[in-house]
Amino acid sequence: MTIVINMRDGLDERKIKVAARLILGGKLVAFPTETVYGLGADALNEKAVRRIFEAKGRPADNPLIVHIAEFDDLKKLAREIPEEARLLAKKFWPGPLTIVLPKREEVPLVTTGGLDTVAVRMPAHPIALALIKASTPIAAPSANISGKPSPTLAEHVVDDFYGRIEAIIDGGPTWVGVESTVIDLSSERPTLLRPGGLPLEEIEKVIGPVEIHPAVKGKAVDLARAPGMKYRHYSPNAQVVVVEGPRERVREKIEELIAEYRSKGYRVGVMATEEFEADEFFHLGKTVEDVARNLFRALRELDRRGVDVIIAEGVEERGLGLAVMNRLRKASGYRIIRA
């Protein structure tokens, strides 16, 4: 039995206490953050964390992010906190930034995917912060079955987990729409492991140049130091094709692909910033912020409408565009057409 806790109208401390008791009791609770919904368990309870991996069907070597509500909580999790981490936390926490640091022994290896590092962030959602403050640091990957598009509505979590976890907190739509940016500060040079809701350009204004891990651009890796680096992610049931290039040529290529796929008998869905004549269409909005917010919802919705192929319009890889393209390329299995 899964209880759905309605907090669409705002924070309810009484309901938060109910959810916190579940977390402290080793149960699983899905909750909203500003990025996507997370599937949470007590980060220091090895048995509870294992249930996250079981519920999601998540590989055991895919590390989780630990969510905290106070900077002092970081001292309980990380063995070392370099000055760059303090600067980034002061500037961007609460917010969509995850920092990877050497872990303390108290953090179970199951939480870190067997690594000697721990990924930590402080979410900027009042429900998430209240839940953590009322309980404990919470390990929480995105609240979706592994490989599927991440959830930005409680309805997405219900679709994947109703009857499989103890509770889902419905806080309405998330407002960033892509997961947090992950920066590794555990080694000599700061490295971007996953682009996300905080643009890399903003981070570099604070700590200077940041290396970009090859996995960000699609290179296969044997060791995942952060979520989203190694395994198939964000994929709907439909085949996804991404069209990249100059805007006017992208439109022409999408129209060509619609005609080509329909001539073969496929139901075609298009997700783009301007309208197309297809079997199904999802408008992503006008700005890159709109696209990021609507990205996973579009993939899930077009799947729900029963299309065979989803044609996605690419965006420029600046700011949030780097995170959007990282997710689209992974969702497509790197089926990319350049216009």
C-alpha atoms as a PDB file:
ATOM      1  CA  MET A   1       0.000   0.000   0.000  1.00  0.00           C
ATOM      2  CA  THR A   2       1.352   3.406  -1.010  1.00  0.00           C
ATOM      3  CA  ILE A   3      -0.029   6.562   0.586  1.00  0.00           C
ATOM      4  CA  VAL A   4      -0.070   9.735  -1.518  1.00  0.00           C
ATOM      5  CA  ILE A   5       0.457  12.786   0.700  1.00  0.00           C
ATOM      6  CA  ASN A   6      -1.027  15.900  -0.915  1.00  0.00           C
ATOM      7  CA  MET A   7       1.013  19.060  -0.379  1.00  0.00           C
ATOM      8  CA  ARG A   8       0.183  20.843  -3.604  1.00  0.00           C
ATOM      9  CA  ASP A   9      -1.151  23.791  -1.630  1.00  0.00           C
ATOM     10  CA  GLY A  10       2.076  24.192   0.329  1.00  0.00           C
ATOM     11  CA  LEU A  11       4.103  22.843   3.201  1.00  0.00           C
ATOM     12  CA  ASP A  12       2.165  20.982   5.904  1.00  0.00           C
ATOM     13  CA  GLU A  13       4.298  20.274   8.996  1.00  0.00           C
ATOM     14  CA  ARG A  14       1.916  17.596  10.272  1.00  0.00           C
ATOM     15  CA  LYS A  15       2.197  15.665   7.027  1.00  0.00           C
ATOM     16  CA  ILE A  16       5.971  16.199   6.982  1.00  0.00           C
ATOM     17  CA  LYS A  17       6.200  14.486  10.377  1.00  0.00           C
ATOM     18  CA  VAL A  18       4.298  11.484   8.982  1.00  0.00           C
ATOM     19  CA  ALA A  19       6.746  11.185   6.083  1.00  0.00           C
ATOM     20  CA  ALA A  20       9.753  11.751   8.362  1.00  0.00           C
ATOM     21  CA  ARG A  21       8.678   8.899  10.640  1.00  0.00           C
ATOM     22  CA  LEU A  22       8.569   6.642   7.592  1.00  0.00           C
ATOM     23  CA  ILE A  23      12.106   7.666   6.567  1.00  0.00           C
ATOM     24  CA  LEU A  24      13.425   7.120  10.102  1.00  0.00           C
ATOM     25  CA  GLY A  25      11.687   3.741  10.140  1.00  0.00           C
ATOM     26  CA  GLY A  26      13.648   2.543   7.101  1.00  0.00           C
ATOM     27  CA  LYS A  27      10.824   3.102   4.604  1.00  0.00           C
ATOM     28  CA  LEU A  28      10.892   4.671   1.126  1.00  0.00           C
ATOM     29  CA  VAL A  29       9.300   8.070   0.496  1.00  0.00           C
ATOM     30  CA  ALA A  30       9.224   9.862  -2.864  1.00  0.00           C
ATOM     31  CA  PHE A  31       9.317  13.650  -2.555  1.00  0.00           C
ATOM     32  CA  PRO A  32       9.671  16.725  -4.775  1.00  0.00           C
ATOM     33  CA  THR A  33      12.852  18.699  -5.214  1.00  0.00           C
ATOM     34  CA  GLU A  34      13.304  21.709  -7.469  1.00  0.00           C
ATOM     35  CA  THR A  35      14.888  19.470 -10.136  1.00  0.00           C
ATOM     36  CA  VAL A  36      12.902  16.191 -10.253  1.00  0.00           C
ATOM     37  CA  TYR A  37      11.135  13.953  -7.739  1.00  0.00           C
ATOM     38  CA  GLY A  38      13.484  11.860  -5.579  1.00  0.00           C
ATOM     39  CA  LEU A  39      13.039   8.370  -4.122  1.00  0.00           C
ATOM     40  CA  GLY A  40      14.277   8.789  -0.570  1.00  0.00           C
ATOM     41  CA  ALA A  41      15.606   6.617   2.247  1.00  0.00           C
ATOM     42  CA  ASP A  42      17.770   7.203   5.322  1.00  0.00           C
ATOM     43  CA  ALA A  43      21.232   7.625   3.763  1.00  0.00           C
ATOM     44  CA  LEU A  44      22.974   6.013   6.755  1.00  0.00           C
ATOM     45  CA  ASN A  45      20.641   2.985   6.954  1.00  0.00           C
ATOM     46  CA  GLU A  46      22.197   0.333   4.733  1.00  0.00           C
ATOM     47  CA  LYS A  47      19.087  -1.858   4.650  1.00  0.00           C
ATOM     48  CA  ALA A  48      16.827   1.071   3.691  1.00  0.00           C
ATOM     49  CA  VAL A  49      19.197   2.210   0.944  1.00  0.00           C
ATOM     50  CA  ARG A  50      19.288  -1.277  -0.537  1.00  0.00           C
ATOM     51  CA  ARG A  51      15.509  -1.045  -0.937  1.00  0.00           C
ATOM     52  CA  ILE A  52      16.010   1.971  -3.253  1.00  0.00           C
ATOM     53  CA  PHE A  53      18.145  -0.132  -5.584  1.00  0.00           C
ATOM     54  CA  GLU A  54      15.624  -2.984  -5.460  1.00  0.00           C
ATOM     55  CA  ALA A  55      12.611  -0.738  -6.117  1.00  0.00           C
ATOM     56  CA  LYS A  56      14.246   1.048  -9.041  1.00  0.00           C
ATOM     57  CA  GLY A  57      16.028  -1.963 -10.531  1.00  0.00           C
ATOM     58  CA  ARG A  58      19.159   0.156 -10.234  1.00  0.00           C
ATOM     59  CA  PRO A  59      22.655  -1.355 -10.645  1.00  0.00           C
ATOM     60  CA  ALA A  60      24.484  -1.503  -7.314  1.00  0.00           C
ATOM     61  CA  ASP A  61      27.524   0.395  -8.662  1.00  0.00           C
ATOM     62  CA  ASN A  62      25.454   3.442  -9.617  1.00  0.00           C
ATOM     63  CA  PRO A  63      25.987   5.862  -6.673  1.00  0.00           C
ATOM     64  CA  LEU A  64      23.207   7.819  -4.972  1.00  0.00           C
ATOM     65  CA  ILE A  65      23.105  11.502  -4.041  1.00  0.00           C
ATOM     66  CA  VAL A  66      22.688  12.321  -0.357  1.00  0.00           C
ATOM     67  CA  HIS A  67      20.394  15.286   0.334  1.00  0.00           C
ATOM     68  CA  ILE A  68      21.050  17.545   3.327  1.00  0.00           C
ATOM     69  CA  ALA A  69      19.338  20.592   4.829  1.00  0.00           C
ATOM     70  CA  GLU A  70      22.234  22.328   6.644  1.00  0.00           C
ATOM     71  CA  PHE A  71      25.866  22.875   5.683  1.00  0.00           C
ATOM     72  CA  ASP A  72      26.947  21.291   8.969  1.00  0.00           C
ATOM     73  CA  ASP A  73      25.350  18.037   7.756  1.00  0.00           C
ATOM     74  CA  LEU A  74      28.096  17.898   5.131  1.00  0.00           C
ATOM     75  CA  LYS A  75      30.674  17.468   7.915  1.00  0.00           C
ATOM     76  CA  LYS A  76      28.912  14.249   8.971  1.00  0.00           C
ATOM     77  CA  LEU A  77      29.264  12.804   5.474  1.00  0.00           C
ATOM     78  CA  ALA A  78      32.503  14.129   3.962  1.00  0.00           C
ATOM     79  CA  ARG A  79      35.982  13.418   5.299  1.00  0.00           C
ATOM     80  CA  GLU A  80      37.439  16.538   3.677  1.00  0.00           C
ATOM     81  CA  ILE A  81      35.740  19.770   2.621  1.00  0.00           C
ATOM     82  CA  PRO A  82      38.020  21.848   0.368  1.00  0.00           C
ATOM     83  CA  GLU A  83      37.678  25.598  -0.003  1.00  0.00           C
ATOM     84  CA  GLU A  84      36.084  25.201  -3.452  1.00  0.00           C
ATOM     85  CA  ALA A  85      33.261  23.202  -1.864  1.00  0.00           C
ATOM     86  CA  ARG A  86      32.678  25.899   0.744  1.00  0.00           C
ATOM     87  CA  LEU A  87      32.595  28.603  -1.922  1.00  0.00           C
ATOM     88  CA  LEU A  88      30.165  26.678  -4.121  1.00  0.00           C
ATOM     89  CA  ALA A  89      27.915  25.776  -1.205  1.00  0.00           C
ATOM     90  CA  LYS A  90      27.799  29.388  -0.027  1.00  0.00           C
ATOM     91  CA  LYS A  91      26.863  30.597  -3.514  1.00  0.00           C
ATOM     92  CA  PHE A  92      24.544  27.834  -4.800  1.00  0.00           C
ATOM     93  CA  TRP A  93      23.060  25.906  -1.845  1.00  0.00           C
ATOM     94  CA  PRO A  94      20.194  25.350  -1.550  1.00  0.00           C
ATOM     95  CA  GLY A  95      20.081  24.621  -5.267  1.00  0.00           C
ATOM     96  CA  PRO A  96      20.650  22.139  -8.110  1.00  0.00           C
ATOM     97  CA  LEU A  97      24.335  21.478  -7.409  1.00  0.00           C
ATOM     98  CA  THR A  98      25.816  18.171  -6.199  1.00  0.00           C
ATOM     99  CA  ILE A  99      29.381  18.082  -4.863  1.00  0.00           C
ATOM    100  CA  VAL A 100      31.430  14.861  -4.764  1.00  0.00           C
ATOM    101  CA  LEU A 101      33.865  14.602  -1.832  1.00  0.00           C
ATOM    102  CA  PRO A 102      35.816  11.883   0.045  1.00  0.00           C
ATOM    103  CA  LYS A 103      33.336  10.075   2.291  1.00  0.00           C
ATOM    104  CA  ARG A 104      33.413   9.415   6.005  1.00  0.00           C
ATOM    105  CA  GLU A 105      33.316   5.822   7.236  1.00  0.00           C
ATOM    106  CA  GLU A 106      29.810   6.363   8.621  1.00  0.00           C
ATOM    107  CA  VAL A 107      28.413   6.563   5.075  1.00  0.00           C
ATOM    108  CA  PRO A 108      27.599   3.002   3.914  1.00  0.00           C
ATOM    109  CA  LEU A 109      29.267   1.829   0.723  1.00  0.00           C
ATOM    110  CA  VAL A 110      25.862   0.826  -0.630  1.00  0.00           C
ATOM    111  CA  THR A 111      24.931   4.540  -0.642  1.00  0.00           C
ATOM    112  CA  THR A 112      28.029   5.489  -2.637  1.00  0.00           C
ATOM    113  CA  GLY A 113      27.911   2.605  -5.098  1.00  0.00           C
ATOM    114  CA  GLY A 114      31.011   1.085  -3.499  1.00  0.00           C
ATOM    115  CA  LEU A 115      33.071   4.257  -3.942  1.00  0.00           C
ATOM    116  CA  ASP A 116      35.221   6.076  -1.384  1.00  0.00           C
ATOM    117  CA  THR A 117      33.443   9.324  -2.297  1.00  0.00           C
ATOM    118  CA  VAL A 118      29.991  10.669  -1.479  1.00  0.00           C
ATOM    119  CA  ALA A 119      27.804  12.918  -3.639  1.00  0.00           C
ATOM    120  CA  VAL A 120      25.924  15.562  -1.620  1.00  0.00           C
ATOM    121  CA  ARG A 121      23.500  18.358  -2.342  1.00  0.00           C
ATOM    122  CA  MET A 122      21.079  20.678  -0.541  1.00  0.00           C
ATOM    123  CA  PRO A 123      17.797  20.895  -2.499  1.00  0.00           C
ATOM    124  CA  ALA A 124      15.977  24.201  -2.925  1.00  0.00           C
ATOM    125  CA  HIS A 125      12.450  22.899  -2.348  1.00  0.00           C
ATOM    126  CA  PRO A 126      10.654  23.686   0.915  1.00  0.00           C
ATOM    127  CA  ILE A 127       9.103  20.214   1.144  1.00  0.00           C
ATOM    128  CA  ALA A 128      12.440  18.460   0.606  1.00  0.00           C
ATOM    129  CA  LEU A 129      14.230  20.681   3.133  1.00  0.00           C
ATOM    130  CA  ALA A 130      11.488  20.229   5.733  1.00  0.00           C
ATOM    131  CA  LEU A 131      11.533  16.450   5.297  1.00  0.00           C
ATOM    132  CA  ILE A 132      15.313  16.258   5.734  1.00  0.00           C
ATOM    133  CA  LYS A 133      15.264  18.562   8.785  1.00  0.00           C
ATOM    134  CA  ALA A 134      12.552  16.412  10.383  1.00  0.00           C
ATOM    135  CA  SER A 135      14.441  13.166   9.751  1.00  0.00           C
ATOM    136  CA  THR A 136      18.045  12.657   8.589  1.00  0.00           C
ATOM    137  CA  PRO A 137      20.247  13.067   5.498  1.00  0.00           C
ATOM    138  CA  ILE A 138      18.298  11.336   2.727  1.00  0.00           C
ATOM    139  CA  ALA A 139      19.766   9.289  -0.129  1.00  0.00           C
ATOM    140  CA  ALA A 140      17.570   9.927  -3.140  1.00  0.00           C
ATOM    141  CA  PRO A 141      18.022   9.142  -6.815  1.00  0.00           C
ATOM    142  CA  SER A 142      15.278  10.224  -9.211  1.00  0.00           C
ATOM    143  CA  ALA A 143      11.981   8.490  -8.437  1.00  0.00           C
ATOM    144  CA  ASN A 144      11.662   6.490 -11.642  1.00  0.00           C
ATOM    145  CA  ILE A 145      12.279   2.920 -12.718  1.00  0.00           C
ATOM    146  CA  SER A 146      15.928   2.797 -13.839  1.00  0.00           C
ATOM    147  CA  GLY A 147      16.314   3.749 -17.474  1.00  0.00           C
ATOM    148  CA  LYS A 148      12.984   5.598 -17.748  1.00  0.00           C
ATOM    149  CA  PRO A 149      12.588   9.391 -18.010  1.00  0.00           C
ATOM    150  CA  SER A 150      12.915  11.145 -14.669  1.00  0.00           C
ATOM    151  CA  PRO A 151       9.708  12.278 -12.909  1.00  0.00           C
ATOM    152  CA  THR A 152       8.717  15.934 -12.733  1.00  0.00           C
ATOM    153  CA  LEU A 153       5.153  15.290 -11.519  1.00  0.00           C
ATOM    154  CA  ALA A 154       3.895  13.112  -8.669  1.00  0.00           C
ATOM    155  CA  GLU A 155       1.763  11.321 -11.288  1.00  0.00           C
ATOM    156  CA  HIS A 156       4.976  10.064 -12.912  1.00  0.00           C
ATOM    157  CA  VAL A 157       6.048   8.552  -9.578  1.00  0.00           C
ATOM    158  CA  VAL A 158       2.627   6.969  -9.103  1.00  0.00           C
ATOM    159  CA  ASP A 159       2.939   5.385 -12.562  1.00  0.00           C
ATOM    160  CA  ASP A 160       6.292   3.799 -11.650  1.00  0.00           C
ATOM    161  CA  PHE A 161       6.004   3.018  -7.941  1.00  0.00           C
ATOM    162  CA  TYR A 162       2.438   2.868  -6.667  1.00  0.00           C
ATOM    163  CA  GLY A 163       2.191  -0.245  -4.503  1.00  0.00           C
ATOM    164  CA  ARG A 164       5.982  -0.642  -4.364  1.00  0.00           C
ATOM    165  CA  ILE A 165       6.981   2.095  -1.873  1.00  0.00           C
ATOM    166  CA  GLU A 166       5.422   3.430   1.328  1.00  0.00           C
ATOM    167  CA  ALA A 167       4.645   7.051   0.409  1.00  0.00           C
ATOM    168  CA  ILE A 168       4.674   9.681  -2.326  1.00  0.00           C
ATOM    169  CA  ILE A 169       4.545  13.379  -1.420  1.00  0.00           C
ATOM    170  CA  ASP A 170       2.717  15.312  -4.145  1.00  0.00           C
ATOM    171  CA  GLY A 171       4.152  18.818  -4.191  1.00  0.00           C
ATOM    172  CA  GLY A 172       3.064  19.683  -7.730  1.00  0.00           C
ATOM    173  CA  PRO A 173       5.363  20.153 -10.735  1.00  0.00           C
ATOM    174  CA  THR A 174       9.099  20.615 -10.256  1.00  0.00           C
ATOM    175  CA  TRP A 175      10.426  23.859 -11.703  1.00  0.00           C
ATOM    176  CA  VAL A 176      13.941  23.053 -12.979  1.00  0.00           C
ATOM    177  CA  GLY A 177      13.099  19.775 -14.711  1.00  0.00           C
ATOM    178  CA  VAL A 178      16.576  18.269 -15.140  1.00  0.00           C
ATOM    179  CA  GLU A 179      18.644  16.765 -12.345  1.00  0.00           C
ATOM    180  CA  SER A 180      21.377  18.583 -10.439  1.00  0.00           C
ATOM    181  CA  THR A 181      24.785  19.435 -11.838  1.00  0.00           C
ATOM    182  CA  VAL A 182      27.473  17.137 -10.370  1.00  0.00           C
ATOM    183  CA  ILE A 183      30.982  18.482  -9.702  1.00  0.00           C
ATOM    184  CA  ASP A 184      33.760  16.193  -8.423  1.00  0.00           C
ATOM    185  CA  LEU A 185      36.023  17.954  -5.916  1.00  0.00           C
ATOM    186  CA  SER A 186      37.542  14.755  -4.545  1.00  0.00           C
ATOM    187  CA  SER A 187      40.616  14.864  -6.772  1.00  0.00           C
ATOM    188  CA  GLU A 188      43.198  17.418  -7.845  1.00  0.00           C
ATOM    189  CA  ARG A 189      41.127  19.231 -10.481  1.00  0.00           C
ATOM    190  CA  PRO A 190      37.419  20.096 -10.316  1.00  0.00           C
ATOM    191  CA  THR A 191      35.573  17.957 -12.865  1.00  0.00           C
ATOM    192  CA  LEU A 192      32.046  18.126 -14.248  1.00  0.00           C
ATOM    193  CA  LEU A 193      30.585  14.615 -14.009  1.00  0.00           C
ATOM    194  CA  ARG A 194      27.027  15.494 -15.026  1.00  0.00           C
ATOM    195  CA  PRO A 195      25.591  18.731 -16.425  1.00  0.00           C
ATOM    196  CA  GLY A 196      22.342  19.747 -14.813  1.00  0.00           C
ATOM    197  CA  GLY A 197      20.161  22.494 -13.434  1.00  0.00           C
ATOM    198  CA  LEU A 198      23.082  24.798 -12.562  1.00  0.00           C
ATOM    199  CA  PRO A 199      24.985  25.905 -15.692  1.00  0.00           C
ATOM    200  CA  LEU A 200      28.702  25.123 -15.767  1.00  0.00           C
ATOM    201  CA  GLU A 201      29.417  28.759 -16.648  1.00  0.00           C
ATOM    202  CA  GLU A 202      28.048  29.865 -13.256  1.00  0.00           C
ATOM    203  CA  ILE A 203      30.250  27.389 -11.400  1.00  0.00           C
ATOM    204  CA  GLU A 204      33.376  28.523 -13.242  1.00  0.00           C
ATOM    205  CA  LYS A 205      32.692  32.118 -12.186  1.00  0.00           C
ATOM    206  CA  VAL A 206      33.208  30.971  -8.585  1.00  0.00           C
ATOM    207  CA  ILE A 207      36.032  28.390  -8.722  1.00  0.00           C
ATOM    208  CA  GLY A 208      37.626  28.909 -12.143  1.00  0.00           C
ATOM    209  CA  PRO A 209      38.057  26.367 -14.967  1.00  0.00           C
ATOM    210  CA  VAL A 210      36.361  22.982 -14.571  1.00  0.00           C
ATOM    211  CA  GLU A 211      37.317  19.905 -16.584  1.00  0.00           C
ATOM    212  CA  ILE A 212      34.503  18.096 -18.383  1.00  0.00           C
ATOM    213  CA  HIS A 213      34.490  14.328 -17.920  1.00  0.00           C
ATOM    214  CA  PRO A 214      34.370  12.437 -21.265  1.00  0.00           C
ATOM    215  CA  ALA A 215      31.167  10.682 -20.106  1.00  0.00           C
ATOM    216  CA  VAL A 216      29.338  14.024 -20.399  1.00  0.00           C
ATOM    217  CA  LYS A 217      29.823  13.827 -24.171  1.00  0.00           C
ATOM    218  CA  GLY A 218      28.860  10.159 -24.343  1.00  0.00           C
ATOM    219  CA  LYS A 219      32.143   8.289 -23.900  1.00  0.00           C
ATOM    220  CA  ALA A 220      31.621   4.903 -22.225  1.00  0.00           C
ATOM    221  CA  VAL A 221      33.043   4.527 -18.707  1.00  0.00           C
ATOM    222  CA  ASP A 222      33.771   1.520 -16.510  1.00  0.00           C
ATOM    223  CA  LEU A 223      33.414   3.408 -13.231  1.00  0.00           C
ATOM    224  CA  ALA A 224      30.463   5.688 -12.460  1.00  0.00           C
ATOM    225  CA  ARG A 225      31.560   8.381 -10.015  1.00  0.00           C
ATOM    226  CA  ALA A 226      28.124  10.027 -10.224  1.00  0.00           C
ATOM    227  CA  PRO A 227      24.596   9.074 -11.300  1.00  0.00           C
ATOM    228  CA  GLY A 228      23.904   9.151 -15.022  1.00  0.00           C
ATOM    229  CA  MET A 229      27.461   8.427 -16.157  1.00  0.00           C
ATOM    230  CA  LYS A 230      27.435   4.743 -17.015  1.00  0.00           C
ATOM    231  CA  TYR A 231      24.000   3.250 -17.633  1.00  0.00           C
ATOM    232  CA  ARG A 232      21.092   3.764 -20.023  1.00  0.00           C
ATOM    233  CA  HIS A 233      19.005   6.680 -18.796  1.00  0.00           C
ATOM    234  CA  TYR A 234      15.934   8.773 -19.534  1.00  0.00           C
ATOM    235  CA  SER A 235      14.580   6.473 -22.246  1.00  0.00           C
ATOM    236  CA  PRO A 236      10.867   6.165 -23.075  1.00  0.00           C
ATOM    237  CA  ASN A 237       9.441   3.085 -24.785  1.00  0.00           C
ATOM    238  CA  ALA A 238       9.358   4.867 -28.147  1.00  0.00           C
ATOM    239  CA  GLN A 239      12.503   5.245 -30.232  1.00  0.00           C
ATOM    240  CA  VAL A 240      13.951   8.752 -29.840  1.00  0.00           C
ATOM    241  CA  VAL A 241      15.781  10.613 -32.600  1.00  0.00           C
ATOM    242  CA  VAL A 242      17.499  13.946 -31.900  1.00  0.00           C
ATOM    243  CA  VAL A 243      17.957  16.496 -34.683  1.00  0.00           C
ATOM    244  CA  GLU A 244      20.794  18.984 -34.184  1.00  0.00           C
ATOM    245  CA  GLY A 245      22.055  21.894 -36.285  1.00  0.00           C
ATOM    246  CA  PRO A 246      21.089  25.419 -37.417  1.00  0.00           C
ATOM    247  CA  ARG A 247      17.470  26.187 -36.525  1.00  0.00           C
ATOM    248  CA  GLU A 248      16.104  26.602 -40.073  1.00  0.00           C
ATOM    249  CA  ARG A 249      17.764  23.389 -41.260  1.00  0.00           C
ATOM    250  CA  VAL A 250      16.578  21.501 -38.159  1.00  0.00           C
ATOM    251  CA  ARG A 251      12.982  22.376 -39.046  1.00  0.00           C
ATOM    252  CA  GLU A 252      13.421  21.087 -42.606  1.00  0.00           C
ATOM    253  CA  LYS A 253      15.037  17.866 -41.388  1.00  0.00           C
ATOM    254  CA  ILE A 254      12.279  17.228 -38.809  1.00  0.00           C
ATOM    255  CA  GLU A 255       9.624  17.655 -41.502  1.00  0.00           C
ATOM    256  CA  GLU A 256      11.518  15.212 -43.739  1.00  0.00           C
ATOM    257  CA  LEU A 257      11.758  12.671 -40.910  1.00  0.00           C
ATOM    258  CA  ILE A 258       8.056  12.961 -40.081  1.00  0.00           C
ATOM    259  CA  ALA A 259       7.184  12.132 -43.698  1.00  0.00           C
ATOM    260  CA  GLU A 260       9.745   9.311 -43.845  1.00  0.00           C
ATOM    261  CA  TYR A 261       8.600   7.574 -40.648  1.00  0.00           C
ATOM    262  CA  ARG A 262       4.897   7.987 -41.436  1.00  0.00           C
ATOM    263  CA  SER A 263       5.439   6.471 -44.886  1.00  0.00           C
ATOM    264  CA  LYS A 264       6.683   3.351 -43.068  1.00  0.00           C
ATOM    265  CA  GLY A 265       3.548   3.180 -40.932  1.00  0.00           C
ATOM    266  CA  TYR A 266       4.983   4.613 -37.708  1.00  0.00           C
ATOM    267  CA  ARG A 267       3.049   6.913 -35.370  1.00  0.00           C
ATOM    268  CA  VAL A 268       5.311   9.927 -34.996  1.00  0.00           C
ATOM    269  CA  GLY A 269       5.586  12.324 -32.068  1.00  0.00           C
ATOM    270  CA  VAL A 270       7.562  15.559 -32.147  1.00  0.00           C
ATOM    271  CA  MET A 271       8.834  17.588 -29.176  1.00  0.00           C
ATOM    272  CA  ALA A 272      10.057  21.018 -30.192  1.00  0.00           C
ATOM    273  CA  THR A 273       9.947  24.756 -29.539  1.00  0.00           C
ATOM    274  CA  GLU A 274       7.715  25.406 -32.555  1.00  0.00           C
ATOM    275  CA  GLU A 275       4.741  23.472 -33.881  1.00  0.00           C
ATOM    276  CA  PHE A 276       4.928  20.603 -36.375  1.00  0.00           C
ATOM    277  CA  GLU A 277       2.299  18.562 -38.207  1.00  0.00           C
ATOM    278  CA  ALA A 278       2.810  15.122 -36.664  1.00  0.00           C
ATOM    279  CA  ASP A 279       0.611  12.410 -35.188  1.00  0.00           C
ATOM    280  CA  GLU A 280       1.351  13.865 -31.761  1.00  0.00           C
ATOM    281  CA  PHE A 281       3.099  17.090 -30.780  1.00  0.00           C
ATOM    282  CA  PHE A 282       4.457  18.428 -27.464  1.00  0.00           C
ATOM    283  CA  HIS A 283       5.429  22.104 -27.266  1.00  0.00           C
ATOM    284  CA  LEU A 284       8.594  22.444 -25.194  1.00  0.00           C
ATOM    285  CA  GLY A 285       8.267  26.215 -24.741  1.00  0.00           C
ATOM    286  CA  LYS A 286      10.295  29.102 -26.079  1.00  0.00           C
ATOM    287  CA  THR A 287      13.365  29.330 -23.811  1.00  0.00           C
ATOM    288  CA  VAL A 288      15.985  26.769 -22.811  1.00  0.00           C
ATOM    289  CA  GLU A 289      14.600  27.001 -19.262  1.00  0.00           C
ATOM    290  CA  ASP A 290      11.195  25.987 -20.638  1.00  0.00           C
ATOM    291  CA  VAL A 291      12.760  23.096 -22.557  1.00  0.00           C
ATOM    292  CA  ALA A 292      14.564  21.813 -19.463  1.00  0.00           C
ATOM    293  CA  ARG A 293      11.385  22.069 -17.364  1.00  0.00           C
ATOM    294  CA  ASN A 294       9.288  20.196 -19.929  1.00  0.00           C
ATOM    295  CA  LEU A 295      11.822  17.683 -21.269  1.00  0.00           C
ATOM    296  CA  PHE A 296      11.018  14.580 -19.213  1.00  0.00           C
ATOM    297  CA  ARG A 297       7.313  15.350 -19.148  1.00  0.00           C
ATOM    298  CA  ALA A 298       7.321  15.459 -22.957  1.00  0.00           C
ATOM    299  CA  LEU A 299       9.061  12.074 -23.244  1.00  0.00           C
ATOM    300  CA  ARG A 300       6.598  10.464 -20.841  1.00  0.00           C
ATOM    301  CA  GLU A 301       3.546  12.129 -22.372  1.00  0.00           C
ATOM    302  CA  LEU A 302       4.391  11.190 -25.964  1.00  0.00           C
ATOM    303  CA  ASP A 303       4.992   7.627 -24.773  1.00  0.00           C
ATOM    304  CA  ARG A 304       1.570   7.660 -23.100  1.00  0.00           C
ATOM    305  CA  ARG A 305      -0.011   8.771 -26.380  1.00  0.00           C
ATOM    306  CA  GLY A 306       1.361   5.652 -28.044  1.00  0.00           C
ATOM    307  CA  VAL A 307       3.815   6.980 -30.608  1.00  0.00           C
ATOM    308  CA  ASP A 308       6.430   4.683 -32.111  1.00  0.00           C
ATOM    309  CA  VAL A 309       9.049   7.366 -32.753  1.00  0.00           C
ATOM    310  CA  ILE A 310       9.795  10.631 -30.963  1.00  0.00           C
ATOM    311  CA  ILE A 311      11.668  13.275 -32.954  1.00  0.00           C
ATOM    312  CA  ALA A 312      13.297  15.806 -30.607  1.00  0.00           C
ATOM    313  CA  GLU A 313      14.620  19.221 -31.536  1.00  0.00           C
ATOM    314  CA  GLY A 314      18.132  19.846 -30.246  1.00  0.00           C
ATOM    315  CA  VAL A 315      19.198  23.071 -28.529  1.00  0.00           C
ATOM    316  CA  GLU A 316      22.438  25.015 -28.324  1.00  0.00           C
ATOM    317  CA  GLU A 317      24.886  23.632 -25.739  1.00  0.00           C
ATOM    318  CA  ARG A 318      25.157  26.778 -23.633  1.00  0.00           C
ATOM    319  CA  GLY A 319      23.878  27.246 -20.102  1.00  0.00           C
ATOM    320  CA  LEU A 320      21.096  24.761 -19.385  1.00  0.00           C
ATOM    321  CA  GLY A 321      21.389  23.603 -22.990  1.00  0.00           C
ATOM    322  CA  LEU A 322      24.366  21.407 -22.048  1.00  0.00           C
ATOM    323  CA  ALA A 323      22.179  19.469 -19.590  1.00  0.00           C
ATOM    324  CA  VAL A 324      19.261  19.274 -22.036  1.00  0.00           C
ATOM    325  CA  MET A 325      21.416  17.837 -24.803  1.00  0.00           C
ATOM    326  CA  ASN A 326      23.102  15.395 -22.417  1.00  0.00           C
ATOM    327  CA  ARG A 327      19.660  14.025 -21.463  1.00  0.00           C
ATOM    328  CA  LEU A 328      18.314  13.972 -25.029  1.00  0.00           C
ATOM    329  CA  ARG A 329      21.342  12.154 -26.393  1.00  0.00           C
ATOM    330  CA  LYS A 330      21.110   9.532 -23.661  1.00  0.00           C
ATOM    331  CA  ALA A 331      17.356   9.173 -24.176  1.00  0.00           C
ATOM    332  CA  SER A 332      17.963   8.546 -27.881  1.00  0.00           C
ATOM    333  CA  GLY A 333      20.749   6.026 -27.331  1.00  0.00           C
ATOM    334  CA  TYR A 334      22.842   8.526 -29.341  1.00  0.00           C
ATOM    335  CA  ARG A 335      20.607   8.321 -32.418  1.00  0.00           C
ATOM    336  CA  ILE A 336      21.519  11.813 -33.606  1.00  0.00           C
ATOM    337  CA  ILE A 337      20.874  13.375 -36.983  1.00  0.00           C
ATOM    338  CA  ARG A 338      22.723  16.538 -37.926  1.00  0.00           C
ATOM    339  CA  ALA A 339      20.760  18.871 -40.145  1.00  0.00           C
END
